[in-house]
PDB file of N, CA and C in Angstrom:
ATOM      1  N   MET A   1      96.606  79.494  13.072  1.00  0.00           N
ATOM      2  CA  MET A   1      95.806  79.193  12.639  1.00  0.00           C
ATOM      3  C   MET A   1      94.274  79.377  13.080  1.00  0.00           C
ATOM      4  N   ILE A   2      94.233  79.213  14.250  1.00  0.00           N
ATOM      5  CA  ILE A   2      92.470  79.547  15.080  1.00  0.00           C
ATOM      6  C   ILE A   2      92.301  80.607  14.690  1.00  0.00           C
ATOM      7  N   GLU A   3      93.326  81.981  15.158  1.00  0.00           N
ATOM      8  CA  GLU A   3      92.901  83.144  14.532  1.00  0.00           C
ATOM      9  C   GLU A   3      92.213  83.697  13.165  1.00  0.00           C
ATOM     10  N   ALA A   4      93.393  83.214  12.254  1.00  0.00           N
ATOM     11  CA  ALA A   4      92.984  83.401  10.952  1.00  0.00           C
ATOM     12  C   ALA A   4      91.303  82.229  10.986  1.00  0.00           C
ATOM     13  N   ALA A   5      91.516  81.341  11.120  1.00  0.00           N
ATOM     14  CA  ALA A   5      89.796  81.120  10.824  1.00  0.00           C
ATOM     15  C   ALA A   5      88.680  81.696  11.450  1.00  0.00           C
ATOM     16  N   LEU A   6      89.446  82.564  12.307  1.00  0.00           N
ATOM     17  CA  LEU A   6      87.920  83.254  13.119  1.00  0.00           C
ATOM     18  C   LEU A   6      87.934  84.255  12.485  1.00  0.00           C
ATOM     19  N   ARG A   7      88.661  85.086  11.914  1.00  0.00           N
ATOM     20  CA  ARG A   7      88.934  86.182  11.299  1.00  0.00           C
ATOM     21  C   ARG A   7      88.167  86.050   9.881  1.00  0.00           C
ATOM     22  N   ASP A   8      88.360  85.326   9.399  1.00  0.00           N
ATOM     23  CA  ASP A   8      87.578  85.017   7.854  1.00  0.00           C
ATOM     24  C   ASP A   8      86.821  84.862   8.133  1.00  0.00           C
ATOM     25  N   GLU A   9      86.073  84.131   9.377  1.00  0.00           N
ATOM     26  CA  GLU A   9      84.688  84.619   9.436  1.00  0.00           C
ATOM     27  C   GLU A   9      83.685  85.957   9.947  1.00  0.00           C
ATOM     28  N   GLY A  10      84.633  86.381   9.773  1.00  0.00           N
ATOM     29  CA  GLY A  10      84.308  88.334  10.590  1.00  0.00           C
ATOM     30  C   GLY A  10      84.122  87.968  12.002  1.00  0.00           C
ATOM     31  N   ILE A  11      84.706  87.267  12.467  1.00  0.00           N
ATOM     32  CA  ILE A  11      85.336  87.421  13.719  1.00  0.00           C
ATOM     33  C   ILE A  11      86.834  88.393  14.430  1.00  0.00           C
ATOM     34  N   ALA A  12      86.277  89.666  14.952  1.00  0.00           N
ATOM     35  CA  ALA A  12      87.029  89.918  15.732  1.00  0.00           C
ATOM     36  C   ALA A  12      88.164  89.218  16.627  1.00  0.00           C
ATOM     37  N   ALA A  13      88.517  88.674  16.153  1.00  0.00           N
ATOM     38  CA  ALA A  13      89.624  87.742  17.374  1.00  0.00           C
ATOM     39  C   ALA A  13      91.081  87.104  17.308  1.00  0.00           C
ATOM     40  N   GLU A  14      91.553  87.267  18.487  1.00  0.00           N
ATOM     41  CA  GLU A  14      92.949  87.773  18.891  1.00  0.00           C
ATOM     42  C   GLU A  14      93.371  86.304  20.115  1.00  0.00           C
ATOM     43  N   ALA A  15      94.826  85.010  19.210  1.00  0.00           N
ATOM     44  CA  ALA A  15      95.045  84.160  20.237  1.00  0.00           C
ATOM     45  C   ALA A  15      96.109  84.553  20.297  1.00  0.00           C
ATOM     46  N   SER A  16      97.014  83.728  21.466  1.00  0.00           N
ATOM     47  CA  SER A  16      97.566  83.674  21.874  1.00  0.00           C
ATOM     48  C   SER A  16      98.132  82.292  23.086  1.00  0.00           C
ATOM     49  N   ASP A  17      98.813  81.980  22.714  1.00  0.00           N
ATOM     50  CA  ASP A  17      99.656  80.496  23.385  1.00  0.00           C
ATOM     51  C   ASP A  17     100.414  80.438  24.661  1.00  0.00           C
ATOM     52  N   VAL A  18      99.931  79.773  25.282  1.00  0.00           N
ATOM     53  CA  VAL A  18     100.832  81.072  27.290  1.00  0.00           C
ATOM     54  C   VAL A  18     101.378  79.339  27.437  1.00  0.00           C
ATOM     55  N   ILE A  19     102.872  78.692  27.435  1.00  0.00           N
ATOM     56  CA  ILE A  19     102.813  77.343  27.744  1.00  0.00           C
ATOM     57  C   ILE A  19     101.943  76.647  27.875  1.00  0.00           C
ATOM     58  N   SER A  20     100.452  76.427  28.307  1.00  0.00           N
ATOM     59  CA  SER A  20      99.949  74.793  28.391  1.00  0.00           C
ATOM     60  C   SER A  20      98.794  75.564  28.099  1.00  0.00           C
ATOM     61  N   HIS A  21      98.122  76.553  27.610  1.00  0.00           N
ATOM     62  CA  HIS A  21      95.885  76.591  26.480  1.00  0.00           C
ATOM     63  C   HIS A  21      96.302  77.548  25.959  1.00  0.00           C
ATOM     64  N   ILE A  22      95.766  77.204  25.037  1.00  0.00           N
ATOM     65  CA  ILE A  22      95.589  78.949  24.098  1.00  0.00           C
ATOM     66  C   ILE A  22      94.598  79.881  24.819  1.00  0.00           C
ATOM     67  N   LYS A  23      94.965  80.836  24.485  1.00  0.00           N
ATOM     68  CA  LYS A  23      93.720  82.103  24.827  1.00  0.00           C
ATOM     69  C   LYS A  23      93.677  82.689  23.995  1.00  0.00           C
ATOM     70  N   ILE A  24      92.649  82.953  23.431  1.00  0.00           N
ATOM     71  CA  ILE A  24      91.309  83.692  22.813  1.00  0.00           C
ATOM     72  C   ILE A  24      90.473  85.085  23.197  1.00  0.00           C
ATOM     73  N   GLU A  25      90.767  86.167  22.705  1.00  0.00           N
ATOM     74  CA  GLU A  25      89.895  87.212  23.297  1.00  0.00           C
ATOM     75  C   GLU A  25      89.008  87.334  21.931  1.00  0.00           C
ATOM     76  N   LEU A  26      87.824  87.565  22.469  1.00  0.00           N
ATOM     77  CA  LEU A  26      86.954  88.307  21.051  1.00  0.00           C
ATOM     78  C   LEU A  26      85.613  89.109  22.246  1.00  0.00           C
ATOM     79  N   PRO A  27      85.290  89.678  20.847  1.00  0.00           N
ATOM     80  CA  PRO A  27      83.587  90.479  21.764  1.00  0.00           C
ATOM     81  C   PRO A  27      82.757  89.408  21.779  1.00  0.00           C
ATOM     82  N   THR A  28      81.944  89.481  23.539  1.00  0.00           N
ATOM     83  CA  THR A  28      80.933  88.452  23.607  1.00  0.00           C
ATOM     84  C   THR A  28      79.842  88.784  22.980  1.00  0.00           C
ATOM     85  N   THR A  29      79.638  89.503  22.448  1.00  0.00           N
ATOM     86  CA  THR A  29      78.987  89.249  20.865  1.00  0.00           C
ATOM     87  C   THR A  29      78.738  88.468  19.907  1.00  0.00           C
ATOM     88  N   GLN A  30      79.949  87.803  20.019  1.00  0.00           N
ATOM     89  CA  GLN A  30      80.712  86.882  18.892  1.00  0.00           C
ATOM     90  C   GLN A  30      80.654  85.674  19.208  1.00  0.00           C
ATOM     91  N   LEU A  31      80.126  85.642  20.379  1.00  0.00           N
ATOM     92  CA  LEU A  31      81.332  84.323  21.041  1.00  0.00           C
ATOM     93  C   LEU A  31      79.962  83.109  21.284  1.00  0.00           C
ATOM     94  N   ALA A  32      79.130  83.237  20.347  1.00  0.00           N
ATOM     95  CA  ALA A  32      78.216  82.037  19.621  1.00  0.00           C
ATOM     96  C   ALA A  32      78.418  81.264  18.224  1.00  0.00           C
ATOM     97  N   ALA A  33      79.197  82.772  17.593  1.00  0.00           N
ATOM     98  CA  ALA A  33      79.456  82.884  16.368  1.00  0.00           C
ATOM     99  C   ALA A  33      80.752  81.352  15.810  1.00  0.00           C
ATOM    100  N   ALA A  34      82.133  82.073  16.567  1.00  0.00           N
ATOM    101  CA  ALA A  34      83.203  81.189  17.795  1.00  0.00           C
ATOM    102  C   ALA A  34      83.378  80.824  18.128  1.00  0.00           C
ATOM    103  N   SER A  35      81.961  80.397  18.724  1.00  0.00           N
ATOM    104  CA  SER A  35      81.882  78.466  19.589  1.00  0.00           C
ATOM    105  C   SER A  35      81.480  77.376  18.372  1.00  0.00           C
ATOM    106  N   THR A  36      80.950  78.138  17.792  1.00  0.00           N
ATOM    107  CA  THR A  36      80.076  77.553  16.381  1.00  0.00           C
ATOM    108  C   THR A  36      81.635  77.056  15.526  1.00  0.00           C
ATOM    109  N   MET A  37      82.034  77.808  15.477  1.00  0.00           N
ATOM    110  CA  MET A  37      83.341  77.585  14.251  1.00  0.00           C
ATOM    111  C   MET A  37      84.707  76.824  14.882  1.00  0.00           C
ATOM    112  N   LEU A  38      84.686  77.031  16.232  1.00  0.00           N
ATOM    113  CA  LEU A  38      85.899  75.963  16.932  1.00  0.00           C
ATOM    114  C   LEU A  38      85.210  74.522  16.582  1.00  0.00           C
ATOM    115  N   ALA A  39      83.598  74.230  16.869  1.00  0.00           N
ATOM    116  CA  ALA A  39      83.363  73.643  17.490  1.00  0.00           C
ATOM    117  C   ALA A  39      83.494  72.544  15.734  1.00  0.00           C
ATOM    118  N   SER A  40      83.246  73.651  14.905  1.00  0.00           N
ATOM    119  CA  SER A  40      83.580  72.979  13.287  1.00  0.00           C
ATOM    120  C   SER A  40      85.274  72.595  13.243  1.00  0.00           C
ATOM    121  N   LEU A  41      85.479  73.138  13.736  1.00  0.00           N
ATOM    122  CA  LEU A  41      86.998  72.562  13.517  1.00  0.00           C
ATOM    123  C   LEU A  41      87.829  71.504  14.571  1.00  0.00           C
ATOM    124  N   GLN A  42      86.576  71.150  15.075  1.00  0.00           N
ATOM    125  CA  GLN A  42      86.868  69.688  16.332  1.00  0.00           C
ATOM    126  C   GLN A  42      87.448  70.824  18.123  1.00  0.00           C
ATOM    127  N   LEU A  43      88.078  72.032  17.379  1.00  0.00           N
ATOM    128  CA  LEU A  43      88.812  72.322  18.781  1.00  0.00           C
ATOM    129  C   LEU A  43      87.938  72.130  20.070  1.00  0.00           C
ATOM    130  N   ILE A  44      86.885  72.241  20.226  1.00  0.00           N
ATOM    131  CA  ILE A  44      86.529  72.009  21.696  1.00  0.00           C
ATOM    132  C   ILE A  44      84.996  71.435  21.393  1.00  0.00           C
TER     133      ILE A  44
END
């Protein structure tokens, strides 16, 4: 869901879960946009 939401916003992201945390890889240039999106989903 997180990966799909970021991609819908045009952010090239790959998300995976590793037992106790979620790992999201994305280009540094899209970090601000990804942070805004994740905040709107109340994930950060």
